[in-house]
Amino acid sequence: MKKIIESAWENRSLLEKKETKEAILSVI
């Protein structure tokens, strides 16, 4: 159970990094 939560958290932070990167790129 703990592993599922950890992997979900990792996926979420990866998505947030990707979205942040895309947002920064679209501003430039």
C-alpha atoms as a PDB file:
ATOM      1  CA  MET A   1       0.000   0.000   0.000  1.00  0.00           C
ATOM      2  CA  LYS A   2       2.757   2.432   0.930  1.00  0.00           C
ATOM      3  CA  LYS A   3       4.502   1.793  -2.390  1.00  0.00           C
ATOM      4  CA  ILE A   4       1.394   2.764  -4.361  1.00  0.00           C
ATOM      5  CA  ILE A   5       1.194   6.070  -2.488  1.00  0.00           C
ATOM      6  CA  GLU A   6       4.892   6.741  -3.050  1.00  0.00           C
ATOM      7  CA  SER A   7       4.697   6.051  -6.787  1.00  0.00           C
ATOM      8  CA  ALA A   8       1.562   8.180  -7.100  1.00  0.00           C
ATOM      9  CA  TRP A   9       3.374  11.008  -5.292  1.00  0.00           C
ATOM     10  CA  GLU A  10       6.358  10.644  -7.643  1.00  0.00           C
ATOM     11  CA  ASN A  11       4.104  10.703 -10.702  1.00  0.00           C
ATOM     12  CA  ARG A  12       2.394  13.814  -9.373  1.00  0.00           C
ATOM     13  CA  SER A  13       5.636  15.655  -8.764  1.00  0.00           C
ATOM     14  CA  LEU A  14       6.903  14.646 -12.215  1.00  0.00           C
ATOM     15  CA  LEU A  15       3.710  15.988 -13.783  1.00  0.00           C
ATOM     16  CA  GLU A  16       4.025  19.226 -11.819  1.00  0.00           C
ATOM     17  CA  LYS A  17       7.638  19.666 -12.959  1.00  0.00           C
ATOM     18  CA  LYS A  18       6.622  19.044 -16.568  1.00  0.00           C
ATOM     19  CA  GLU A  19       3.739  21.513 -16.349  1.00  0.00           C
ATOM     20  CA  THR A  20       5.945  24.112 -14.689  1.00  0.00           C
ATOM     21  CA  LYS A  21       8.580  23.654 -17.389  1.00  0.00           C
ATOM     22  CA  GLU A  22       5.960  24.018 -20.140  1.00  0.00           C
ATOM     23  CA  ALA A  23       4.506  27.088 -18.440  1.00  0.00           C
ATOM     24  CA  ILE A  24       7.948  28.696 -18.232  1.00  0.00           C
ATOM     25  CA  LEU A  25       8.649  27.861 -21.877  1.00  0.00           C
ATOM     26  CA  SER A  26       5.321  29.303 -23.013  1.00  0.00           C
ATOM     27  CA  VAL A  27       6.013  32.566 -21.142  1.00  0.00           C
ATOM     28  CA  ILE A  28       9.382  33.052 -22.836  1.00  0.00           C
END
